[in-house]
């Protein structure tokens, strides 16, 4: 899936187009999160962990109207 196919829910663009923690929504309604890779624990094969600031998650929730 290309980034252009996602709806960006967060980010003012002040830290660059590709290098910020962000939350995106897919056409099917699922959520994609971009953030710093985390090593909090080892996830199951095929999954990954990322960290994002709480403020980014709050911004995404507001954008979705939840």
Protein backbone atom coordinates (compact mmCIF):
# COMPACT_ATOMS: atom_id res chain seq x y z
CA UNK A 1 0.00 0.00 0.00
CA UNK A 2 1.39 3.41 -0.94
CA UNK A 3 1.35 6.30 1.52
CA UNK A 4 -0.69 8.28 -1.02
CA UNK A 5 -3.53 5.80 -0.52
CA UNK A 6 -3.77 6.67 3.21
CA UNK A 7 -5.58 9.55 4.89
CA UNK A 8 -3.18 11.35 7.21
CA UNK A 9 -4.95 12.15 10.50
CA UNK A 10 -2.09 13.91 12.30
CA UNK A 11 0.86 16.16 11.75
CA UNK A 12 1.09 19.81 10.91
CA UNK A 13 3.92 19.16 8.48
CA UNK A 14 6.36 21.20 10.58
CA UNK A 15 8.78 18.31 11.06
CA UNK A 16 8.90 17.06 7.48
CA UNK A 17 6.62 14.94 5.36
CA UNK A 18 8.10 11.52 6.15
CA UNK A 19 9.89 11.70 9.51
CA UNK A 20 7.19 12.50 12.07
CA UNK A 21 5.17 10.21 14.28
CA UNK A 22 1.80 10.06 12.51
CA UNK A 23 -1.48 8.21 12.39
CA UNK A 24 -3.13 7.30 9.09
CA UNK A 25 -6.47 5.74 8.11
CA UNK A 26 -6.75 3.21 5.28
CA UNK A 27 -9.58 3.05 2.74
CA UNK A 28 -10.98 0.07 4.66
CA UNK A 29 -11.02 2.08 7.92
CA UNK A 30 -8.07 0.47 9.69
CA UNK A 31 -5.36 2.55 11.36
CA UNK A 32 -1.66 2.69 10.43
CA UNK A 33 0.78 4.22 12.94
CA UNK A 34 4.22 5.63 12.10
CA UNK A 35 6.65 6.18 14.95
CA UNK A 36 9.97 5.31 16.48
CA UNK A 37 10.72 1.60 16.60
CA UNK A 38 10.26 0.27 20.13
CA UNK A 39 11.93 -2.67 21.82
CA UNK A 40 9.50 -2.79 24.78
CA UNK A 41 8.97 -6.51 24.10
CA UNK A 42 9.32 -8.93 21.21
CA UNK A 43 6.05 -9.04 19.26
CA UNK A 44 4.81 -12.12 17.39
CA UNK A 45 6.32 -12.81 13.98
CA UNK A 46 4.94 -10.46 11.33
CA UNK A 47 4.12 -7.69 13.82
CA UNK A 48 6.08 -4.66 14.95
CA UNK A 49 6.04 -2.09 17.76
CA UNK A 50 6.25 1.68 17.40
CA UNK A 51 6.10 4.50 19.93
CA UNK A 52 4.20 7.72 19.33
CA UNK A 53 3.64 10.67 21.67
CA UNK A 54 0.27 10.81 23.44
CA UNK A 55 -0.41 14.13 21.72
CA UNK A 56 -0.31 12.42 18.31
CA UNK A 57 -2.85 9.82 19.39
CA UNK A 58 -5.12 12.54 20.84
CA UNK A 59 -4.88 14.48 17.56
CA UNK A 60 -5.91 11.36 15.61
CA UNK A 61 -8.89 10.76 17.90
CA UNK A 62 -10.03 14.38 17.39
CA UNK A 63 -9.61 14.06 13.62
CA UNK A 64 -11.81 10.95 13.63
CA UNK A 65 -14.44 12.65 15.80
CA UNK A 66 -14.28 9.97 18.49
